[in-house]
C-alpha atoms as a PDB file:
ATOM      1  CA  UNK A   1      -0.015  -0.033  -0.073  1.00  0.00           C
ATOM      2  CA  UNK A   2       1.163   3.393  -0.753  1.00  0.00           C
ATOM      3  CA  UNK A   3      -0.009   6.263   1.064  1.00  0.00           C
ATOM      4  CA  UNK A   4       0.105   9.659   2.360  1.00  0.00           C
ATOM      5  CA  UNK A   5      -0.947  11.766   5.052  1.00  0.00           C
ATOM      6  CA  UNK A   6      -1.981  14.776   6.625  1.00  0.00           C
ATOM      7  CA  UNK A   7      -0.778  17.395   5.517  1.00  0.00           C
ATOM      8  CA  UNK A   8      -2.004  20.899   5.806  1.00  0.00           C
ATOM      9  CA  UNK A   9      -5.838  22.445   7.210  1.00  0.00           C
ATOM     10  CA  UNK A  10      -7.811  21.918   3.613  1.00  0.00           C
ATOM     11  CA  UNK A  11     -10.169  24.601   3.410  1.00  0.00           C
ATOM     12  CA  UNK A  12      -9.743  26.280  -0.197  1.00  0.00           C
ATOM     13  CA  UNK A  13     -12.895  26.617  -1.780  1.00  0.00           C
ATOM     14  CA  UNK A  14     -11.436  25.500  -5.607  1.00  0.00           C
ATOM     15  CA  UNK A  15      -9.186  23.431  -6.534  1.00  0.00           C
ATOM     16  CA  UNK A  16      -5.752  25.220  -6.744  1.00  0.00           C
ATOM     17  CA  UNK A  17      -1.985  24.399  -6.546  1.00  0.00           C
ATOM     18  CA  UNK A  18      -0.123  23.027  -4.059  1.00  0.00           C
ATOM     19  CA  UNK A  19       3.811  23.734  -3.386  1.00  0.00           C
ATOM     20  CA  UNK A  20       4.435  19.823  -3.494  1.00  0.00           C
ATOM     21  CA  UNK A  21       7.812  20.032  -1.565  1.00  0.00           C
ATOM     22  CA  UNK A  22       6.169  20.554   1.914  1.00  0.00           C
ATOM     23  CA  UNK A  23       3.290  17.419   1.479  1.00  0.00           C
ATOM     24  CA  UNK A  24       6.379  15.437  -0.161  1.00  0.00           C
ATOM     25  CA  UNK A  25       8.084  15.651   2.930  1.00  0.00           C
ATOM     26  CA  UNK A  26       5.165  15.326   4.992  1.00  0.00           C
ATOM     27  CA  UNK A  27       4.784  11.900   3.312  1.00  0.00           C
ATOM     28  CA  UNK A  28       8.201  10.546   3.462  1.00  0.00           C
ATOM     29  CA  UNK A  29       8.497  11.743   7.321  1.00  0.00           C
ATOM     30  CA  UNK A  30       5.204  10.181   8.234  1.00  0.00           C
ATOM     31  CA  UNK A  31       5.328   6.724   6.414  1.00  0.00           C
ATOM     32  CA  UNK A  32       7.140   3.498   8.052  1.00  0.00           C
ATOM     33  CA  UNK A  33       6.802   0.251   8.024  1.00  0.00           C
ATOM     34  CA  UNK A  34       7.444  -2.140  11.189  1.00  0.00           C
ATOM     35  CA  UNK A  35       7.081  -6.135  11.200  1.00  0.00           C
ATOM     36  CA  UNK A  36       3.424  -5.646  12.643  1.00  0.00           C
ATOM     37  CA  UNK A  37       2.227  -2.656  11.586  1.00  0.00           C
ATOM     38  CA  UNK A  38       1.936  -0.625   8.059  1.00  0.00           C
ATOM     39  CA  UNK A  39       2.070   2.924  10.063  1.00  0.00           C
ATOM     40  CA  UNK A  40       1.375   6.012   7.857  1.00  0.00           C
ATOM     41  CA  UNK A  41       1.088   8.604  10.576  1.00  0.00           C
ATOM     42  CA  UNK A  42       3.509   9.585  13.269  1.00  0.00           C
ATOM     43  CA  UNK A  43       2.489  11.639  16.012  1.00  0.00           C
ATOM     44  CA  UNK A  44       2.629  15.677  16.012  1.00  0.00           C
ATOM     45  CA  UNK A  45       0.924  15.787  12.434  1.00  0.00           C
ATOM     46  CA  UNK A  46      -2.272  16.935  10.856  1.00  0.00           C
ATOM     47  CA  UNK A  47      -4.742  14.072  11.555  1.00  0.00           C
ATOM     48  CA  UNK A  48      -6.836  12.977   8.462  1.00  0.00           C
ATOM     49  CA  UNK A  49     -10.560  11.566   8.792  1.00  0.00           C
ATOM     50  CA  UNK A  50     -10.053   9.296   6.504  1.00  0.00           C
ATOM     51  CA  UNK A  51      -8.199   8.086   2.998  1.00  0.00           C
ATOM     52  CA  UNK A  52      -9.305   6.468  -0.021  1.00  0.00           C
ATOM     53  CA  UNK A  53      -6.653   4.970  -2.548  1.00  0.00           C
ATOM     54  CA  UNK A  54      -7.423   3.493  -5.702  1.00  0.00           C
ATOM     55  CA  UNK A  55      -4.628   1.606  -7.549  1.00  0.00           C
ATOM     56  CA  UNK A  56      -6.103  -0.092 -11.012  1.00  0.00           C
ATOM     57  CA  UNK A  57      -8.290  -2.499  -9.764  1.00  0.00           C
ATOM     58  CA  UNK A  58      -7.602  -2.310  -6.490  1.00  0.00           C
ATOM     59  CA  UNK A  59      -9.576   0.111  -4.207  1.00  0.00           C
ATOM     60  CA  UNK A  60      -8.384   0.875  -0.461  1.00  0.00           C
ATOM     61  CA  UNK A  61     -10.087   2.908   2.659  1.00  0.00           C
ATOM     62  CA  UNK A  62      -9.246   3.689   5.546  1.00  0.00           C
ATOM     63  CA  UNK A  63     -11.207   5.403   8.185  1.00  0.00           C
ATOM     64  CA  UNK A  64      -9.012   6.994  11.285  1.00  0.00           C
ATOM     65  CA  UNK A  65     -10.722   6.965  14.895  1.00  0.00           C
ATOM     66  CA  UNK A  66      -9.361   9.848  16.805  1.00  0.00           C
ATOM     67  CA  UNK A  67      -9.597  10.800  20.628  1.00  0.00           C
ATOM     68  CA  UNK A  68      -8.195  14.554  20.216  1.00  0.00           C
ATOM     69  CA  UNK A  69      -4.933  13.545  18.829  1.00  0.00           C
ATOM     70  CA  UNK A  70      -4.696   9.779  20.043  1.00  0.00           C
ATOM     71  CA  UNK A  71      -5.266   7.309  17.258  1.00  0.00           C
ATOM     72  CA  UNK A  72      -7.655   4.707  18.976  1.00  0.00           C
ATOM     73  CA  UNK A  73      -7.894   2.307  15.871  1.00  0.00           C
ATOM     74  CA  UNK A  74      -8.429   2.140  12.063  1.00  0.00           C
ATOM     75  CA  UNK A  75     -10.714   0.658  10.245  1.00  0.00           C
ATOM     76  CA  UNK A  76      -9.453  -0.999   6.432  1.00  0.00           C
ATOM     77  CA  UNK A  77     -11.491  -1.814   3.335  1.00  0.00           C
ATOM     78  CA  UNK A  78      -9.717  -3.642   0.954  1.00  0.00           C
ATOM     79  CA  UNK A  79     -11.631  -4.344  -2.463  1.00  0.00           C
ATOM     80  CA  UNK A  80     -10.846  -5.709  -5.801  1.00  0.00           C
ATOM     81  CA  UNK A  81     -13.777  -6.691  -8.519  1.00  0.00           C
ATOM     82  CA  UNK A  82     -16.062  -8.869  -6.055  1.00  0.00           C
ATOM     83  CA  UNK A  83     -13.786  -9.554  -3.279  1.00  0.00           C
ATOM     84  CA  UNK A  84     -14.231  -7.430  -0.446  1.00  0.00           C
ATOM     85  CA  UNK A  85     -12.257  -7.370   2.803  1.00  0.00           C
ATOM     86  CA  UNK A  86     -12.828  -5.536   5.959  1.00  0.00           C
ATOM     87  CA  UNK A  87     -10.939  -5.012   9.000  1.00  0.00           C
ATOM     88  CA  UNK A  88     -10.377  -3.146  12.244  1.00  0.00           C
ATOM     89  CA  UNK A  89      -7.312  -3.007  14.189  1.00  0.00           C
ATOM     90  CA  UNK A  90      -7.184  -1.549  17.830  1.00  0.00           C
ATOM     91  CA  UNK A  91      -4.147   0.302  18.412  1.00  0.00           C
ATOM     92  CA  UNK A  92      -1.846  -1.492  20.264  1.00  0.00           C
ATOM     93  CA  UNK A  93       0.956   0.900  21.234  1.00  0.00           C
ATOM     94  CA  UNK A  94       1.979   3.960  23.088  1.00  0.00           C
ATOM     95  CA  UNK A  95       4.166   6.760  22.573  1.00  0.00           C
ATOM     96  CA  UNK A  96       6.328   8.382  24.812  1.00  0.00           C
ATOM     97  CA  UNK A  97       7.484  12.251  23.733  1.00  0.00           C
ATOM     98  CA  UNK A  98      10.018  13.977  25.026  1.00  0.00           C
ATOM     99  CA  UNK A  99      12.042  17.297  23.586  1.00  0.00           C
ATOM    100  CA  UNK A 100      15.657  16.497  22.462  1.00  0.00           C
ATOM    101  CA  UNK A 101      17.305  20.080  21.560  1.00  0.00           C
ATOM    102  CA  UNK A 102      15.297  21.559  18.758  1.00  0.00           C
ATOM    103  CA  UNK A 103      13.737  17.796  18.028  1.00  0.00           C
ATOM    104  CA  UNK A 104      11.330  16.210  19.328  1.00  0.00           C
ATOM    105  CA  UNK A 105      11.868  12.611  19.968  1.00  0.00           C
ATOM    106  CA  UNK A 106       8.602   9.726  20.134  1.00  0.00           C
ATOM    107  CA  UNK A 107       9.138   6.270  21.294  1.00  0.00           C
ATOM    108  CA  UNK A 108       6.784   4.062  20.010  1.00  0.00           C
ATOM    109  CA  UNK A 109       6.715   0.927  22.459  1.00  0.00           C
ATOM    110  CA  UNK A 110       4.646  -2.229  21.243  1.00  0.00           C
ATOM    111  CA  UNK A 111       3.355  -4.706  24.065  1.00  0.00           C
ATOM    112  CA  UNK A 112       5.140  -7.618  22.249  1.00  0.00           C
ATOM    113  CA  UNK A 113       8.511  -5.562  22.711  1.00  0.00           C
ATOM    114  CA  UNK A 114       9.719  -6.717  19.325  1.00  0.00           C
ATOM    115  CA  UNK A 115       8.944  -3.815  16.623  1.00  0.00           C
ATOM    116  CA  UNK A 116       9.864  -0.618  18.974  1.00  0.00           C
ATOM    117  CA  UNK A 117      11.341   2.538  17.611  1.00  0.00           C
ATOM    118  CA  UNK A 118      12.158   5.794  17.788  1.00  0.00           C
ATOM    119  CA  UNK A 119      11.263   8.831  15.765  1.00  0.00           C
ATOM    120  CA  UNK A 120      13.549  12.485  15.724  1.00  0.00           C
ATOM    121  CA  UNK A 121      11.500  15.266  14.107  1.00  0.00           C
ATOM    122  CA  UNK A 122      12.460  18.725  13.271  1.00  0.00           C
ATOM    123  CA  UNK A 123      10.576  21.171  11.208  1.00  0.00           C
ATOM    124  CA  UNK A 124      12.423  20.337   8.356  1.00  0.00           C
ATOM    125  CA  UNK A 125      14.117  16.701   9.180  1.00  0.00           C
ATOM    126  CA  UNK A 126      13.275  13.172  10.419  1.00  0.00           C
ATOM    127  CA  UNK A 127      15.066  10.345  11.745  1.00  0.00           C
ATOM    128  CA  UNK A 128      13.639   6.751  12.537  1.00  0.00           C
ATOM    129  CA  UNK A 129      15.733   4.589  14.594  1.00  0.00           C
ATOM    130  CA  UNK A 130      15.194   1.009  15.525  1.00  0.00           C
ATOM    131  CA  UNK A 131      17.729  -0.045  18.151  1.00  0.00           C
ATOM    132  CA  UNK A 132      20.768   1.121  17.057  1.00  0.00           C
ATOM    133  CA  UNK A 133      20.064   1.321  13.435  1.00  0.00           C
ATOM    134  CA  UNK A 134      18.955   4.377  11.359  1.00  0.00           C
ATOM    135  CA  UNK A 135      16.392   3.014   9.415  1.00  0.00           C
ATOM    136  CA  UNK A 136      15.347   6.048   7.512  1.00  0.00           C
ATOM    137  CA  UNK A 137      15.986   9.726   7.583  1.00  0.00           C
ATOM    138  CA  UNK A 138      14.732  12.400   5.273  1.00  0.00           C
ATOM    139  CA  UNK A 139      15.595  16.462   5.064  1.00  0.00           C
ATOM    140  CA  UNK A 140      14.650  19.427   3.126  1.00  0.00           C
ATOM    141  CA  UNK A 141      17.927  21.860   1.815  1.00  0.00           C
ATOM    142  CA  UNK A 142      17.311  24.158  -1.090  1.00  0.00           C
ATOM    143  CA  UNK A 143      13.879  23.143  -1.765  1.00  0.00           C
ATOM    144  CA  UNK A 144      15.216  19.586  -2.402  1.00  0.00           C
ATOM    145  CA  UNK A 145      14.046  16.595  -0.012  1.00  0.00           C
ATOM    146  CA  UNK A 146      16.948  14.119   0.530  1.00  0.00           C
ATOM    147  CA  UNK A 147      16.723  10.573   1.868  1.00  0.00           C
ATOM    148  CA  UNK A 148      18.581   8.007   2.812  1.00  0.00           C
ATOM    149  CA  UNK A 149      17.161   4.003   3.307  1.00  0.00           C
ATOM    150  CA  UNK A 150      19.300   1.788   5.083  1.00  0.00           C
ATOM    151  CA  UNK A 151      17.130  -1.027   3.661  1.00  0.00           C
ATOM    152  CA  UNK A 152      18.462   0.320  -0.131  1.00  0.00           C
ATOM    153  CA  UNK A 153      21.708   1.728   0.371  1.00  0.00           C
ATOM    154  CA  UNK A 154      21.411   4.544  -2.125  1.00  0.00           C
ATOM    155  CA  UNK A 155      20.434   7.930  -1.921  1.00  0.00           C
ATOM    156  CA  UNK A 156      17.282   9.797  -3.604  1.00  0.00           C
ATOM    157  CA  UNK A 157      16.055  13.026  -3.986  1.00  0.00           C
ATOM    158  CA  UNK A 158      12.913  15.045  -4.535  1.00  0.00           C
ATOM    159  CA  UNK A 159      12.873  18.482  -6.490  1.00  0.00           C
ATOM    160  CA  UNK A 160       9.619  20.354  -7.543  1.00  0.00           C
ATOM    161  CA  UNK A 161       9.174  20.530 -11.440  1.00  0.00           C
ATOM    162  CA  UNK A 162       9.848  24.041 -12.376  1.00  0.00           C
ATOM    163  CA  UNK A 163       6.844  24.290 -14.965  1.00  0.00           C
ATOM    164  CA  UNK A 164       4.279  23.103 -12.432  1.00  0.00           C
ATOM    165  CA  UNK A 165       4.169  23.360  -8.212  1.00  0.00           C
ATOM    166  CA  UNK A 166       2.136  20.660  -8.065  1.00  0.00           C
ATOM    167  CA  UNK A 167       3.940  18.053  -9.366  1.00  0.00           C
ATOM    168  CA  UNK A 168       7.522  16.823  -7.624  1.00  0.00           C
ATOM    169  CA  UNK A 169      10.066  14.053  -9.021  1.00  0.00           C
ATOM    170  CA  UNK A 170      12.052  11.443  -7.146  1.00  0.00           C
ATOM    171  CA  UNK A 171      14.948  10.239  -8.751  1.00  0.00           C
ATOM    172  CA  UNK A 172      16.554   7.140  -7.093  1.00  0.00           C
ATOM    173  CA  UNK A 173      19.156   6.155  -9.351  1.00  0.00           C
ATOM    174  CA  UNK A 174      17.570   5.654 -12.796  1.00  0.00           C
ATOM    175  CA  UNK A 175      14.333   5.156 -11.614  1.00  0.00           C
ATOM    176  CA  UNK A 176      11.839   8.295 -11.818  1.00  0.00           C
ATOM    177  CA  UNK A 177       8.410   8.473  -9.790  1.00  0.00           C
ATOM    178  CA  UNK A 178       6.246  11.618  -9.735  1.00  0.00           C
ATOM    179  CA  UNK A 179       4.129  13.041  -7.248  1.00  0.00           C
ATOM    180  CA  UNK A 180       1.324  15.283  -7.949  1.00  0.00           C
ATOM    181  CA  UNK A 181      -1.132  16.785  -5.399  1.00  0.00           C
ATOM    182  CA  UNK A 182      -4.440  18.665  -5.846  1.00  0.00           C
ATOM    183  CA  UNK A 183      -5.975  20.408  -3.303  1.00  0.00           C
ATOM    184  CA  UNK A 184     -10.104  21.091  -3.149  1.00  0.00           C
ATOM    185  CA  UNK A 185     -12.320  21.932  -0.204  1.00  0.00           C
ATOM    186  CA  UNK A 186     -11.211  19.501   2.668  1.00  0.00           C
ATOM    187  CA  UNK A 187      -9.526  16.769   0.250  1.00  0.00           C
ATOM    188  CA  UNK A 188      -6.255  16.723  -0.329  1.00  0.00           C
ATOM    189  CA  UNK A 189      -5.460  14.387  -3.417  1.00  0.00           C
ATOM    190  CA  UNK A 190      -2.048  12.577  -4.656  1.00  0.00           C
ATOM    191  CA  UNK A 191      -1.245  10.892  -8.119  1.00  0.00           C
ATOM    192  CA  UNK A 192       1.747   8.517  -8.155  1.00  0.00           C
ATOM    193  CA  UNK A 193       3.289   7.508 -11.436  1.00  0.00           C
ATOM    194  CA  UNK A 194       5.890   4.391 -10.304  1.00  0.00           C
ATOM    195  CA  UNK A 195       8.555   3.713 -12.892  1.00  0.00           C
ATOM    196  CA  UNK A 196       6.861   0.669 -15.488  1.00  0.00           C
ATOM    197  CA  UNK A 197       8.576  -2.624 -14.379  1.00  0.00           C
ATOM    198  CA  UNK A 198       6.684  -4.753 -16.842  1.00  0.00           C
ATOM    199  CA  UNK A 199       9.261  -4.845 -18.852  1.00  0.00           C
ATOM    200  CA  UNK A 200      11.466  -7.230 -16.772  1.00  0.00           C
ATOM    201  CA  UNK A 201       9.212  -8.582 -14.163  1.00  0.00           C
ATOM    202  CA  UNK A 202       5.558 -10.053 -15.157  1.00  0.00           C
ATOM    203  CA  UNK A 203       2.987  -7.205 -14.614  1.00  0.00           C
ATOM    204  CA  UNK A 204       0.797  -7.710 -11.329  1.00  0.00           C
ATOM    205  CA  UNK A 205      -2.631  -9.053 -11.431  1.00  0.00           C
ATOM    206  CA  UNK A 206      -6.015  -6.832 -11.146  1.00  0.00           C
ATOM    207  CA  UNK A 207      -5.685  -7.304  -7.213  1.00  0.00           C
ATOM    208  CA  UNK A 208      -2.395  -6.791  -7.085  1.00  0.00           C
ATOM    209  CA  UNK A 209      -2.211  -3.039  -8.734  1.00  0.00           C
ATOM    210  CA  UNK A 210      -0.105  -1.249 -10.835  1.00  0.00           C
ATOM    211  CA  UNK A 211       2.386   1.753 -11.624  1.00  0.00           C
ATOM    212  CA  UNK A 212      -0.189   4.585 -11.416  1.00  0.00           C
ATOM    213  CA  UNK A 213      -1.956   5.501  -7.937  1.00  0.00           C
ATOM    214  CA  UNK A 214      -4.343   7.985  -7.072  1.00  0.00           C
ATOM    215  CA  UNK A 215      -4.907   8.335  -3.091  1.00  0.00           C
ATOM    216  CA  UNK A 216      -7.281  11.073  -1.251  1.00  0.00           C
ATOM    217  CA  UNK A 217      -6.960  12.207   2.210  1.00  0.00           C
ATOM    218  CA  UNK A 218     -10.140  13.974   3.601  1.00  0.00           C
ATOM    219  CA  UNK A 219     -10.405  16.001   6.727  1.00  0.00           C
END
């Protein structure tokens, strides 16, 4: 599942331009997968009401259940053709936060202790640490987002399209991914186009998605 989150108070009456750099940073700052959890929200960010994602024949919706800024549970619905799967996941972690210099430190603690991790978050930087290993980090510098992922040991960068501020381009080695935003009323829509891998791997089936995604976040 590819997703984004949270970004800005969405109050515009009509669709209009979105400077893609900040919401793209929030996407990478808020997206983390653990052994037990596909997580796309980290604390201290804007809290979405729900998410709707279309990826060819696959449709995914997530409804978030909040008590103020605490996430209590998430209801997932996966639909592909006539196949529908629905599940409500209760939140079984706690988050201890503290200030470390100019950074906020968020310790994510799971009951079984297997998947604990820590997030160090600044205005324009984030680092996720599990044990003594830095899993993922990203930061904004000169209107460019740079990231390092320990599991894929190569640098990637994201920059704004000079002809369209709604669109950002991610370059990771020879692979290019584009992200385009639209903001309308209380929704933020993100369209993602990934590299076409069909030339060297078997194309995925209808319920595996594809290379194009559309995700809508509702406030």
